[in-house]
Protein backbone atom coordinates (compact mmCIF):
# COMPACT_ATOMS: atom_id res chain seq x y z
CA MET A 1 -147.35 -22.77 82.92
CA PRO A 2 -147.51 -19.04 82.00
CA LEU A 3 -144.40 -17.27 80.89
CA PHE A 4 -143.52 -16.54 84.62
CA GLU A 5 -142.34 -20.18 84.76
CA MET A 6 -142.43 -22.74 81.91
CA GLU A 7 -141.47 -25.65 84.02
CA ALA A 8 -144.34 -28.08 84.81
CA THR A 9 -143.17 -28.76 88.43
CA ARG A 10 -144.29 -27.94 91.98
CA PRO A 11 -141.41 -25.60 92.60
CA ALA A 12 -142.21 -23.77 89.49
CA ARG A 13 -145.84 -23.34 90.67
CA VAL A 14 -144.55 -21.83 93.90
CA ARG A 15 -142.25 -19.43 91.93
CA VAL A 16 -145.28 -18.29 89.93
CA PHE A 17 -147.11 -17.68 93.22
CA LEU A 18 -144.18 -15.62 94.50
CA ARG A 19 -143.74 -13.57 91.34
CA ALA A 20 -147.38 -12.91 90.32
CA GLN A 21 -149.86 -13.46 93.12
CA LEU A 22 -147.85 -12.66 96.31
CA PRO A 23 -147.48 -8.94 95.38
CA PHE A 24 -151.12 -8.64 94.92
CA LEU A 25 -151.89 -10.32 98.26
CA LEU A 26 -149.49 -8.04 100.05
CA SER A 27 -150.99 -4.99 98.43
CA VAL A 28 -154.55 -6.07 99.56
CA LEU A 29 -153.21 -6.63 103.04
CA PHE A 30 -151.61 -3.16 102.97
CA ILE A 31 -154.99 -1.57 101.95
CA ALA A 32 -156.71 -3.56 104.65
CA ALA A 33 -154.27 -2.21 107.27
CA MET A 34 -154.68 1.30 106.02
CA VAL A 35 -158.53 0.82 106.35
CA ALA A 36 -158.11 -0.51 109.90
CA LEU A 37 -156.09 2.66 110.90
CA GLY A 38 -158.14 5.20 109.15
CA HIS A 39 -161.61 3.86 108.53
CA PRO A 40 -162.15 0.93 110.92
CA ASP A 41 -165.87 1.18 110.47
CA HIS A 42 -165.31 -0.42 106.94
CA LEU A 43 -163.86 -3.46 108.39
CA THR A 44 -167.36 -4.89 108.88
CA SER A 45 -168.38 -4.23 105.38
CA PRO A 46 -169.52 -7.51 103.67
CA ILE A 47 -168.25 -6.41 100.29
CA LEU A 48 -164.92 -5.51 101.67
CA ILE A 49 -164.67 -8.77 103.53
CA ALA A 50 -165.62 -10.68 100.40
CA GLY A 51 -162.82 -8.91 98.40
CA VAL A 52 -160.23 -9.90 101.07
CA ALA A 53 -161.61 -13.41 101.15
CA VAL A 54 -161.51 -13.84 97.35
CA THR A 55 -157.99 -12.61 97.48
CA PHE A 56 -156.95 -15.10 100.13
CA ALA A 57 -158.89 -18.01 98.28
CA ALA A 58 -157.20 -17.09 94.87
CA SER A 59 -153.80 -16.87 96.64
CA ALA A 60 -154.17 -20.28 98.32
CA ALA A 61 -155.40 -21.86 94.98
CA SER A 62 -152.46 -20.54 93.16
CA VAL A 63 -150.12 -22.11 95.39
CA LEU A 64 -151.90 -25.33 96.48
CA LEU A 65 -153.73 -26.47 93.29
CA PRO A 66 -151.52 -28.69 90.98
CA TRP A 67 -151.75 -26.27 88.00
CA GLU A 68 -148.76 -27.80 86.42
CA LYS A 69 -150.89 -30.91 85.57
CA TRP A 70 -153.28 -28.83 83.51
CA ARG A 71 -153.16 -26.41 80.65
CA PRO A 72 -151.28 -23.23 81.63
CA THR A 73 -154.27 -20.96 80.60
CA TRP A 74 -156.20 -22.36 83.39
CA MET A 75 -154.23 -20.11 85.85
CA LEU A 76 -156.02 -17.23 84.11
CA ILE A 77 -158.83 -18.02 86.73
CA ILE A 78 -156.50 -16.74 89.47
CA ALA A 79 -155.98 -13.38 87.53
CA VAL A 80 -159.92 -13.16 87.16
CA ALA A 81 -160.51 -13.71 90.68
CA ASP A 82 -157.97 -11.01 91.60
CA MET A 83 -159.92 -8.54 89.35
CA ILE A 84 -163.35 -9.60 91.13
CA ALA A 85 -161.39 -8.90 94.46
CA VAL A 86 -160.40 -5.44 93.14
CA ALA A 87 -163.97 -4.76 92.00
CA PHE A 88 -165.29 -5.61 95.51
CA LEU A 89 -162.77 -3.48 97.32
CA ARG A 90 -163.19 -0.53 95.02
CA ALA A 91 -166.92 -0.69 95.42
CA ASP A 92 -166.63 -0.23 99.25
CA LEU A 93 -163.54 2.01 99.38
CA THR A 94 -163.82 4.30 96.27
CA GLY A 95 -165.15 7.17 98.52
CA THR A 96 -162.50 6.85 101.24
CA ILE A 97 -159.30 5.40 99.31
CA PRO A 98 -159.91 6.46 95.59
CA SER A 99 -156.73 4.84 94.44
CA VAL A 100 -157.65 1.48 95.49
CA GLY A 101 -158.57 0.74 91.89
CA MET A 102 -154.90 0.88 91.07
CA LEU A 103 -154.65 -2.80 92.48
CA ALA A 104 -156.09 -3.78 89.10
CA ILE A 105 -152.62 -3.25 87.65
CA PHE A 106 -151.32 -6.47 89.24
CA PRO A 107 -153.72 -8.97 87.54
CA VAL A 108 -153.66 -6.83 84.36
CA LEU A 109 -149.78 -7.11 84.20
CA TRP A 110 -150.01 -10.81 84.86
CA ILE A 111 -152.61 -11.37 82.16
CA SER A 112 -150.61 -9.06 79.66
CA TYR A 113 -147.31 -10.64 80.33
CA GLY A 114 -148.03 -14.22 81.27
CA PHE A 115 -150.56 -15.07 78.62
CA GLY A 116 -151.07 -14.57 74.82
CA ARG A 117 -152.53 -11.36 73.22
CA TRP A 118 -155.98 -12.95 73.21
CA ALA A 119 -155.92 -12.54 76.95
CA ILE A 120 -156.03 -8.64 76.81
CA SER A 121 -159.76 -8.92 76.01
CA VAL A 122 -160.04 -10.67 79.47
CA ALA A 123 -158.14 -7.71 80.94
CA ILE A 124 -160.40 -5.15 79.08
CA VAL A 125 -163.58 -6.99 80.30
CA GLY A 126 -162.23 -7.24 83.79
CA ALA A 127 -161.30 -3.36 83.94
CA ALA A 128 -164.79 -2.65 82.68
CA PHE A 129 -166.30 -4.90 85.36
CA ILE A 130 -164.26 -3.14 88.03
CA THR A 131 -165.56 0.30 87.23
CA SER A 132 -169.11 -0.61 86.45
CA PHE A 133 -169.44 -2.90 89.50
CA THR A 134 -169.20 0.15 91.78
CA PHE A 135 -172.32 1.64 90.21
CA ALA A 136 -174.15 -1.67 90.38
CA TYR A 137 -173.18 -2.12 94.07
CA GLN A 138 -174.43 1.52 94.67
CA GLY A 139 -177.65 0.78 92.71
CA ARG A 140 -177.36 3.68 90.31
CA VAL A 141 -176.18 4.44 86.85
CA PRO A 142 -173.51 7.11 85.69
CA GLY A 143 -175.53 10.29 85.54
CA SER A 144 -172.84 12.86 84.94
CA VAL A 145 -169.91 13.38 82.77
CA ALA A 146 -167.65 12.91 85.77
CA ASP A 147 -169.25 9.46 86.39
CA TRP A 148 -168.74 8.48 82.92
CA ILE A 149 -165.14 9.65 82.89
CA ASN A 150 -164.63 7.51 85.97
CA VAL A 151 -166.11 4.48 84.22
CA ILE A 152 -163.99 4.96 81.04
CA VAL A 153 -160.56 6.22 82.20
CA LEU A 154 -159.61 3.11 84.19
CA PRO A 155 -160.39 0.48 81.42
CA VAL A 156 -158.63 2.87 78.83
CA LEU A 157 -155.53 3.11 80.99
CA ILE A 158 -155.54 -0.61 81.67
CA VAL A 159 -155.89 -1.44 78.03
CA ALA A 160 -152.92 0.80 77.25
CA VAL A 161 -150.85 -0.75 79.81
CA ALA A 162 -151.93 -4.16 78.80
CA PHE A 163 -151.08 -3.57 75.14
CA ILE A 164 -147.62 -2.17 76.14
CA VAL A 165 -146.82 -4.92 78.49
CA ASN A 166 -147.95 -7.45 76.05
CA ILE A 167 -145.89 -6.09 73.20
CA ALA A 168 -142.93 -6.01 75.52
CA ALA A 169 -143.56 -9.56 76.56
CA ASP A 170 -143.79 -10.73 72.99
CA LYS A 171 -140.49 -9.14 72.17
CA LEU A 172 -138.87 -10.63 75.34
CA ARG A 173 -140.29 -14.00 74.35
CA ARG A 174 -138.73 -13.78 70.93
CA SER A 175 -135.57 -12.40 72.48
CA GLY A 176 -135.58 -15.23 74.93
CA ARG A 177 -136.06 -17.85 72.06
CA ARG A 178 -133.20 -16.34 70.22
CA ILE A 179 -131.03 -16.29 73.42
CA ALA A 180 -131.98 -19.99 74.06
CA ALA A 181 -131.17 -20.93 70.47
CA ALA A 182 -127.81 -19.13 70.70
CA HIS A 183 -127.13 -20.81 73.99
CA ASP A 184 -127.97 -24.22 72.62
CA ALA A 185 -125.73 -23.52 69.63
CA GLU A 186 -122.85 -22.41 71.70
CA SER A 187 -123.42 -25.41 74.07
CA ALA A 188 -123.38 -27.78 71.08
CA ALA A 189 -120.29 -25.90 69.77
CA LEU A 190 -118.56 -26.16 73.20
CA ARG A 191 -119.54 -29.95 73.49
CA LEU A 192 -118.09 -30.52 70.01
CA ALA A 193 -114.97 -28.66 70.86
CA LEU A 194 -114.52 -30.47 74.10
CA ASP A 195 -115.13 -33.87 72.31
CA SER A 196 -112.72 -32.87 69.57
CA GLU A 197 -110.13 -31.81 72.09
CA PHE A 198 -110.49 -35.14 74.02
CA LEU A 199 -110.43 -37.05 70.71
CA ALA A 200 -107.27 -35.17 69.65
CA GLY A 201 -105.60 -35.82 72.97
CA SER A 202 -106.62 -39.51 72.79
CA ILE A 203 -105.11 -39.75 69.40
CA LEU A 204 -102.01 -37.90 70.19
CA ASN A 205 -101.38 -39.96 73.27
CA SER A 206 -102.02 -43.22 71.47
CA VAL A 207 -99.49 -42.73 68.61
CA HIS A 208 -96.01 -44.32 69.00
CA ALA A 209 -94.40 -40.88 68.27
CA ALA A 210 -93.63 -37.65 70.10
CA VAL A 211 -95.84 -34.94 68.91
CA ILE A 212 -95.02 -31.23 69.98
CA TYR A 213 -96.77 -28.08 68.92
CA TYR A 214 -95.40 -24.55 69.42
CA ASP A 215 -97.55 -21.50 68.74
CA ALA A 216 -96.50 -18.71 66.41
CA ASP A 217 -94.38 -17.09 69.19
CA GLY A 218 -92.43 -20.26 69.85
CA ALA A 219 -94.27 -21.15 73.17
CA LEU A 220 -94.90 -24.88 73.81
CA LEU A 221 -98.69 -25.40 73.66
CA VAL A 222 -99.03 -29.23 73.29
CA ALA A 223 -96.74 -32.20 74.05
CA ASN A 224 -98.20 -35.66 74.00
CA ARG A 225 -97.40 -38.31 76.54
CA ARG A 226 -94.74 -39.80 74.35
CA ALA A 227 -92.96 -36.41 73.95
CA ILE A 228 -92.90 -35.86 77.74
CA GLU A 229 -91.75 -39.34 78.40
CA MET A 230 -89.12 -39.19 75.65
CA SER A 231 -87.76 -35.74 76.95
CA ALA A 232 -87.72 -36.87 80.49
CA SER A 233 -85.74 -40.05 79.66
CA MET A 234 -83.08 -37.94 78.07
CA GLY A 235 -83.03 -35.15 80.59
CA LEU A 236 -84.12 -32.57 77.98
CA SER A 237 -86.50 -29.62 78.07
CA LEU A 238 -89.00 -28.93 75.25
CA ALA A 239 -90.48 -25.68 76.71
CA ALA A 240 -87.48 -23.33 76.39
CA PRO A 241 -84.21 -22.87 74.60
CA PRO A 242 -81.85 -24.50 74.14
CA TYR A 243 -84.32 -27.42 73.85
CA PHE A 244 -81.93 -30.30 73.10
CA GLY A 245 -78.79 -28.47 74.18
CA ASP A 246 -75.13 -29.45 73.63
CA ASP A 247 -75.59 -33.35 73.34
CA VAL A 248 -76.80 -33.50 69.79
CA PHE A 249 -74.82 -35.25 67.08
CA GLU A 250 -75.33 -36.00 63.40
CA ALA A 251 -76.20 -39.50 62.26
CA ASP A 252 -72.49 -40.50 62.62
CA ARG A 253 -72.72 -40.02 66.40
CA VAL A 254 -69.58 -37.95 66.22
CA THR A 255 -70.23 -34.61 64.64
CA PRO A 256 -71.82 -32.22 67.07
CA ILE A 257 -74.78 -30.08 65.80
CA PRO A 258 -74.62 -26.45 66.95
CA ARG A 259 -77.75 -25.27 68.83
CA GLU A 260 -79.01 -22.89 66.14
CA GLN A 261 -78.80 -25.85 63.53
CA GLN A 262 -80.63 -28.23 65.73
CA THR A 263 -84.08 -29.43 64.66
CA ILE A 264 -86.36 -27.52 66.96
CA ALA A 265 -84.43 -24.18 66.66
CA ARG A 266 -84.66 -24.69 62.88
CA ALA A 267 -88.38 -25.40 62.84
CA LEU A 268 -89.18 -22.49 65.03
CA ARG A 269 -87.31 -20.25 62.49
CA GLY A 270 -89.79 -21.51 59.78
CA GLU A 271 -87.82 -24.40 58.16
CA ASN A 272 -89.93 -27.54 57.05
CA ILE A 273 -87.87 -30.55 57.98
CA ALA A 274 -88.42 -34.24 56.86
CA ASP A 275 -86.82 -37.33 58.15
CA HIS A 276 -83.77 -35.78 59.93
CA LEU A 277 -81.80 -38.17 62.08
CA GLU A 278 -80.18 -36.90 65.22
CA TRP A 279 -78.46 -38.60 68.17
CA VAL A 280 -79.58 -36.71 71.17
CA GLY A 281 -78.75 -36.78 74.80
CA PRO A 282 -75.78 -37.31 77.19
CA PRO A 283 -73.67 -40.56 76.24
CA ASP A 284 -75.50 -42.69 78.89
CA LEU A 285 -78.87 -41.63 77.68
CA GLN A 286 -78.30 -41.08 74.02
CA ARG A 287 -81.15 -41.90 71.71
CA ALA A 288 -81.58 -41.83 67.97
CA ILE A 289 -84.26 -39.43 66.98
CA ASN A 290 -85.88 -39.22 63.52
CA ILE A 291 -87.52 -35.72 63.34
CA ALA A 292 -89.87 -34.02 61.00
CA ALA A 293 -91.24 -30.45 61.46
CA LYS A 294 -93.77 -28.22 59.59
CA ARG A 295 -95.32 -24.89 60.04
CA VAL A 296 -99.09 -24.79 60.45
CA HIS A 297 -101.15 -22.06 58.60
CA ARG A 298 -104.66 -21.09 58.40
CA GLU A 299 -106.54 -21.04 55.14
CA ASP A 300 -105.82 -17.39 54.81
CA GLY A 301 -102.09 -18.08 55.03
CA VAL A 302 -101.67 -16.73 58.53
CA ARG A 303 -99.03 -18.84 60.53
CA ILE A 304 -100.48 -20.21 63.63
CA GLY A 305 -97.68 -22.47 64.86
CA THR A 306 -95.17 -25.37 64.25
CA VAL A 307 -95.63 -29.03 64.54
CA VAL A 308 -92.67 -31.34 65.34
CA VAL A 309 -92.93 -35.06 65.20
CA ALA A 310 -90.12 -37.30 66.55
CA HIS A 311 -89.83 -41.06 66.42
CA ASP A 312 -87.22 -42.86 68.72
CA VAL A 313 -85.43 -45.06 66.31
CA THR A 314 -82.56 -46.17 68.57
CA ASP A 315 -83.24 -49.69 68.37
CA LEU A 316 -83.57 -49.57 64.53
CA ALA A 317 -80.41 -47.54 64.26
CA THR A 318 -78.56 -49.80 66.55
CA ALA A 319 -79.79 -52.81 64.51
CA VAL A 320 -78.66 -51.27 61.33
CA ASP A 321 -75.36 -50.36 62.82
CA VAL A 322 -74.80 -53.90 64.01
CA ARG A 323 -75.78 -55.14 60.58
CA GLU A 324 -73.43 -52.89 58.85
CA GLN A 325 -70.57 -53.86 61.27
CA PHE A 326 -71.34 -57.47 60.65
CA LEU A 327 -71.31 -57.13 56.88
CA LYS A 328 -68.18 -55.26 57.03
CA THR A 329 -66.51 -57.87 59.24
CA VAL A 330 -67.88 -60.94 57.40
CA SER A 331 -67.01 -59.51 53.89
CA HIS A 332 -63.46 -58.58 54.95
CA GLU A 333 -62.81 -61.92 56.75
CA LEU A 334 -64.05 -63.73 53.63
CA ARG A 335 -62.05 -61.71 51.07
CA SER A 336 -58.61 -62.65 52.51
CA PRO A 337 -59.06 -66.37 52.26
CA MET A 338 -60.82 -66.22 49.03
CA THR A 339 -57.90 -64.21 47.47
CA SER A 340 -55.64 -66.75 48.72
CA ILE A 341 -57.83 -69.60 47.33
CA ILE A 342 -58.00 -67.98 43.75
CA GLY A 343 -54.12 -67.41 43.80
CA TYR A 344 -53.47 -71.02 44.61
CA LEU A 345 -55.98 -72.18 41.99
CA ASP A 346 -54.09 -70.12 39.46
CA LEU A 347 -50.81 -71.85 40.61
CA ILE A 348 -52.54 -75.22 40.30
CA GLY A 349 -53.81 -74.32 36.68
CA GLU A 350 -50.18 -73.52 35.67
CA ARG A 351 -48.89 -76.82 36.97
CA LEU A 352 -51.59 -79.03 35.51
CA PRO A 353 -50.34 -80.62 32.17
CA ASP A 354 -51.93 -79.22 29.25
CA ALA A 355 -52.99 -82.78 28.29
CA ASP A 356 -55.05 -83.19 31.52
CA ARG A 357 -58.18 -81.57 29.96
CA SER A 358 -60.43 -82.92 32.66
CA GLY A 359 -58.51 -81.41 35.35
CA HIS A 360 -58.52 -78.03 33.56
CA ALA A 361 -62.13 -78.30 33.09
CA TYR A 362 -62.73 -78.97 36.83
CA LEU A 363 -60.40 -76.22 37.69
CA ASP A 364 -62.29 -73.75 35.43
CA ILE A 365 -65.44 -74.68 37.21
CA VAL A 366 -63.89 -74.00 40.56
CA LEU A 367 -62.40 -70.77 39.39
CA ARG A 368 -65.67 -69.58 37.97
CA ASN A 369 -67.43 -70.31 41.18
CA ALA A 370 -64.57 -68.77 43.14
CA ASP A 371 -64.93 -65.54 41.00
CA SER A 372 -68.69 -65.69 41.53
CA LEU A 373 -68.20 -65.79 45.23
CA MET A 374 -65.73 -62.97 45.16
CA ASP A 375 -68.39 -60.96 43.26
CA ARG A 376 -70.79 -61.66 46.06
CA ILE A 377 -68.33 -60.54 48.58
CA GLY A 378 -67.64 -57.43 46.62
CA GLU A 379 -71.37 -56.78 46.79
CA LEU A 380 -71.47 -57.18 50.53
CA VAL A 381 -68.55 -54.71 50.75
CA ALA A 382 -70.37 -52.37 48.44
CA ALA A 383 -73.54 -52.71 50.65
CA THR A 384 -71.75 -51.48 53.68
CA SER A 385 -70.79 -48.20 51.90
CA ASP A 386 -72.94 -45.27 52.50
CA SER A 387 -72.17 -43.77 48.98
CA VAL A 388 -71.00 -44.93 45.67
CA SER A 389 -67.94 -43.03 44.13
CA VAL A 390 -67.88 -42.69 40.36
CA SER A 391 -65.16 -41.54 38.02
CA SER A 392 -66.97 -40.43 34.81
CA GLN A 393 -65.41 -40.32 31.35
CA HIS A 394 -66.53 -40.47 27.81
CA THR A 395 -67.64 -44.01 27.35
CA ASP A 396 -69.00 -46.01 24.39
CA LEU A 397 -72.12 -47.43 25.95
CA THR A 398 -72.87 -49.77 22.93
CA ALA A 399 -69.56 -51.67 23.63
CA LEU A 400 -70.31 -51.57 27.37
CA VAL A 401 -73.70 -53.09 26.87
CA GLY A 402 -71.98 -55.62 24.63
CA ASP A 403 -69.65 -56.62 27.38
CA ALA A 404 -72.39 -56.79 29.97
CA ILE A 405 -74.37 -59.15 27.68
CA ALA A 406 -71.12 -61.27 27.25
CA ASP A 407 -70.74 -61.46 31.06
CA VAL A 408 -74.18 -62.98 31.48
CA GLY A 409 -74.34 -64.92 28.35
CA ASP A 410 -73.52 -68.42 29.81
CA ARG A 411 -76.32 -67.94 32.53
CA ALA A 412 -78.87 -66.98 29.91
CA GLU A 413 -77.79 -69.91 27.63
CA ALA A 414 -78.28 -72.21 30.61
CA ARG A 415 -81.81 -71.27 30.99
CA GLY A 416 -82.56 -71.46 27.24
CA MET A 417 -82.96 -67.59 27.14
CA THR A 418 -81.68 -65.29 24.31
CA ILE A 419 -80.60 -61.56 24.64
CA GLU A 420 -81.81 -59.22 21.84
CA ARG A 421 -80.46 -55.66 21.30
CA VAL A 422 -82.58 -52.90 19.90
CA GLY A 423 -82.14 -49.18 19.48
CA GLU A 424 -79.21 -47.06 18.53
CA ILE A 425 -75.83 -48.57 17.65
CA VAL A 426 -73.54 -45.65 18.20
CA PHE A 427 -74.26 -44.63 21.68
CA SER A 428 -71.98 -42.83 24.28
CA ALA A 429 -72.23 -40.87 27.47
CA PRO A 430 -70.01 -39.53 30.30
CA VAL A 431 -70.22 -42.33 32.84
CA ASP A 432 -68.09 -44.42 34.95
CA PRO A 433 -67.51 -47.45 32.57
CA TRP A 434 -66.78 -50.01 35.38
CA ARG A 435 -69.81 -48.95 37.45
CA MET A 436 -72.14 -48.68 34.46
CA ARG A 437 -71.21 -52.11 33.22
CA GLN A 438 -71.82 -53.36 36.62
CA VAL A 439 -75.31 -51.82 36.53
CA VAL A 440 -76.17 -53.19 33.19
CA ARG A 441 -74.86 -56.61 34.14
CA GLU A 442 -76.94 -56.59 37.22
CA LEU A 443 -80.11 -55.83 35.30
CA LEU A 444 -79.47 -58.57 32.89
CA THR A 445 -78.58 -61.00 35.68
CA ASN A 446 -81.96 -60.21 37.35
CA ALA A 447 -83.74 -60.70 33.99
CA VAL A 448 -82.18 -64.12 33.59
CA LYS A 449 -82.84 -65.18 37.20
CA PHE A 450 -86.49 -63.93 37.35
CA GLY A 451 -87.46 -64.47 33.64
CA THR A 452 -89.40 -67.25 32.28
CA PRO A 453 -87.04 -69.94 30.87
CA HIS A 454 -86.84 -70.17 26.95
CA THR A 455 -87.92 -66.48 26.41
CA ALA A 456 -86.18 -63.51 25.03
CA ILE A 457 -84.61 -60.72 27.08
CA THR A 458 -84.54 -57.30 25.23
CA ILE A 459 -82.02 -54.72 25.96
CA GLY A 460 -82.62 -51.39 24.28
CA GLN A 461 -80.66 -47.97 24.07
CA VAL A 462 -81.80 -44.66 23.04
CA ARG A 463 -80.78 -41.08 23.37
CA GLU A 464 -83.61 -38.38 23.80
CA GLY A 465 -82.24 -34.80 24.15
CA ASP A 466 -79.81 -34.72 26.98
CA ILE A 467 -80.83 -38.15 28.45
CA CYS A 468 -79.48 -41.64 27.58
CA ARG A 469 -81.73 -44.48 28.32
CA ILE A 470 -80.94 -48.21 28.61
CA SER A 471 -83.87 -50.62 29.30
CA VAL A 472 -83.98 -54.35 29.95
CA THR A 473 -87.13 -56.12 29.51
CA ASN A 474 -87.99 -59.75 30.40
CA THR A 475 -90.98 -62.02 30.53
CA GLY A 476 -91.91 -63.46 33.79
CA PRO A 477 -93.58 -62.86 37.01
CA ALA A 478 -94.83 -59.13 37.55
CA ILE A 479 -93.44 -56.93 40.24
CA GLY A 480 -96.34 -55.85 42.30
CA ARG A 481 -96.88 -52.18 43.11
CA SER A 482 -95.88 -52.86 46.72
CA ASP A 483 -92.68 -54.64 45.75
CA ARG A 484 -91.70 -51.61 43.40
CA ARG A 485 -91.35 -49.45 46.38
CA LEU A 486 -89.06 -51.97 48.10
CA VAL A 487 -86.89 -53.76 45.40
CA PHE A 488 -84.26 -50.96 45.60
CA ASP A 489 -83.81 -51.56 49.37
CA ARG A 490 -80.74 -53.40 50.63
CA PHE A 491 -81.47 -57.08 51.33
CA TYR A 492 -85.05 -56.89 50.17
CA ARG A 493 -86.00 -59.99 48.18
CA ALA A 494 -89.49 -60.36 46.68
CA PRO A 495 -91.81 -63.32 47.82
CA HIS A 496 -91.28 -64.96 44.36
CA ALA A 497 -87.54 -65.20 45.16
CA HIS A 498 -88.11 -66.89 48.44
CA GLN A 499 -90.77 -69.21 47.16
CA ASN A 500 -88.69 -70.34 44.27
CA ALA A 501 -85.33 -70.46 46.13
CA ILE A 502 -83.60 -67.96 43.66
CA GLN A 503 -80.08 -67.23 44.93
CA GLY A 504 -79.02 -63.79 45.75
CA PHE A 505 -78.58 -61.31 48.77
CA GLY A 506 -80.98 -58.75 47.52
CA ILE A 507 -78.17 -56.11 47.07
CA GLY A 508 -77.95 -55.89 43.28
CA LEU A 509 -80.79 -53.42 42.76
CA SER A 510 -79.85 -51.22 45.55
CA LEU A 511 -76.29 -50.97 44.02
CA VAL A 512 -78.03 -50.13 40.67
CA LYS A 513 -80.04 -47.30 42.26
CA ASP A 514 -76.93 -45.90 44.01
CA VAL A 515 -74.76 -45.93 41.01
CA ILE A 516 -77.35 -44.22 38.76
CA ALA A 517 -78.03 -41.68 41.52
CA SER A 518 -74.38 -40.89 41.61
CA HIS A 519 -74.61 -40.27 37.90
CA HIS A 520 -77.48 -37.89 38.56
CA GLY A 521 -79.97 -40.21 36.90
CA ARG A 522 -82.81 -42.38 38.02
CA VAL A 523 -84.20 -45.97 37.69
CA ILE A 524 -87.86 -46.59 36.41
CA ILE A 525 -89.77 -49.96 36.70
CA ASP A 526 -92.78 -50.54 34.41
CA ALA A 527 -94.66 -53.16 32.55
CA PRO A 528 -94.75 -52.44 28.74
CA TYR A 529 -97.23 -55.34 28.23
CA ALA A 530 -98.84 -58.04 30.34
CA GLY A 531 -96.41 -60.60 31.68
CA ALA A 532 -93.33 -58.31 31.21
CA THR A 533 -91.16 -56.25 33.40
CA ARG A 534 -88.92 -53.42 32.31
CA PHE A 535 -86.13 -51.69 34.18
CA THR A 536 -84.98 -48.53 32.54
CA ILE A 537 -82.01 -46.41 33.73
CA GLU A 538 -81.63 -42.79 32.49
CA VAL A 539 -78.35 -40.81 32.85
CA PRO A 540 -77.42 -37.31 31.31
CA SER A 541 -75.62 -37.67 27.98
CA VAL A 542 -73.67 -34.51 28.87
CA VAL A 543 -71.54 -33.69 31.86
CA ALA A 544 -73.71 -32.25 34.69
CA SER A 545 -72.75 -28.72 35.71
CA ALA A 546 -71.57 -28.05 39.12
């Protein structure tokens, strides 16, 4: 269809009629009415009747024929028919209503606006036909300057109007295309934004964590379903201060946290928070919440808000608390009878005759196993402690390592393993001698338990600058990367230990980490060569400044 309506539908055809043809039809009817009032004698003129008839025929054709099924240029026939109708009306009424030729402006505007620039030639020919047809109808040729002016002026004016309208239409078409392209782009962007919003909402509501977002002014913008449920279950408000309120406690569930030091208040002040545990809510609704918070910035550094993520870890915290209480109870319940057992074994040893070598041998075995069991009970007691206290003093690490080797010598010998020392001989550092000996002994014990029988364990010591290093290397199953992240957790035991029924509680390495951390040091696991595992502890060789 022409530019009046690009849709190839019947309603679009009707709209073209209303916009392009109906104004021309009404104008012709107006002229006919004026003729009937002022010059009724012209109503019987065949040429006038023909002009009106052509107008009606073109109008009916424009609305009734299925132009949408054909090429849009075919509708140019209607405009041509209108120009023929104007020529007929002008030929009859030029003497009585000279302005009747202005009717040509309707088909000319239609042609100039609705079709391409090539159609201007049709408008020019049509205008020339309108002016020249009058002379043909009157049977004469222009004989004066006035006649020639009458022939030329209308086509010239029509051509000028046609060009102006066509240029305007071309600009309008380009503007329309740009607007349509911009609209499509905006629609696509809007669809993408809506899809992204829906996806973000779906993701936020699917995670098992409370996600809260505040804008730069601290106003709550987003709270996922989990956040709403969590706050409602504890009777809290996330939208306005004091947020959590007065029923907020530290991890010990006793120490209250002032409002200004609570997580959301701190986060909105600009603090980044990671893995902070709080007990929140009144006593009958109290929950353990692990919270992290971070400020959100644009690429240019402008802050746009704060994200707070909270996990309800009540079940986990309760389970850990139950475990700790169980360990404390069991370890203390076992320690008392074991102390009594060892005491009575000592009394038995004193009363056994020196000549009873078998009795003393059996008693030594019982005492050694009782001592081992007391060590395990001690480990359980240590596992229930949140921190390790140390009393540092200048200690000869060379002698300390020698004592630790002696402690595990029998175990190594039982498995056909040897312990070799390398590194510096004179070696000292400010450490807690009992705790450090416990650490080295635990590393050697692990090397014996997990090492390949009949291989060598190497223990090295070296000082580099202000750092003292002690390393224990054994040959045996490698510790995978995933296990390296877990071996220092309490009660964690690697799959190899389970598969080979290696005894232990999985406490030793956690104790190693805690003791070394208390000395402001660190523990490193690596593999110096294939089939080997090396644990290295690093502690300062000088007293750490306060």
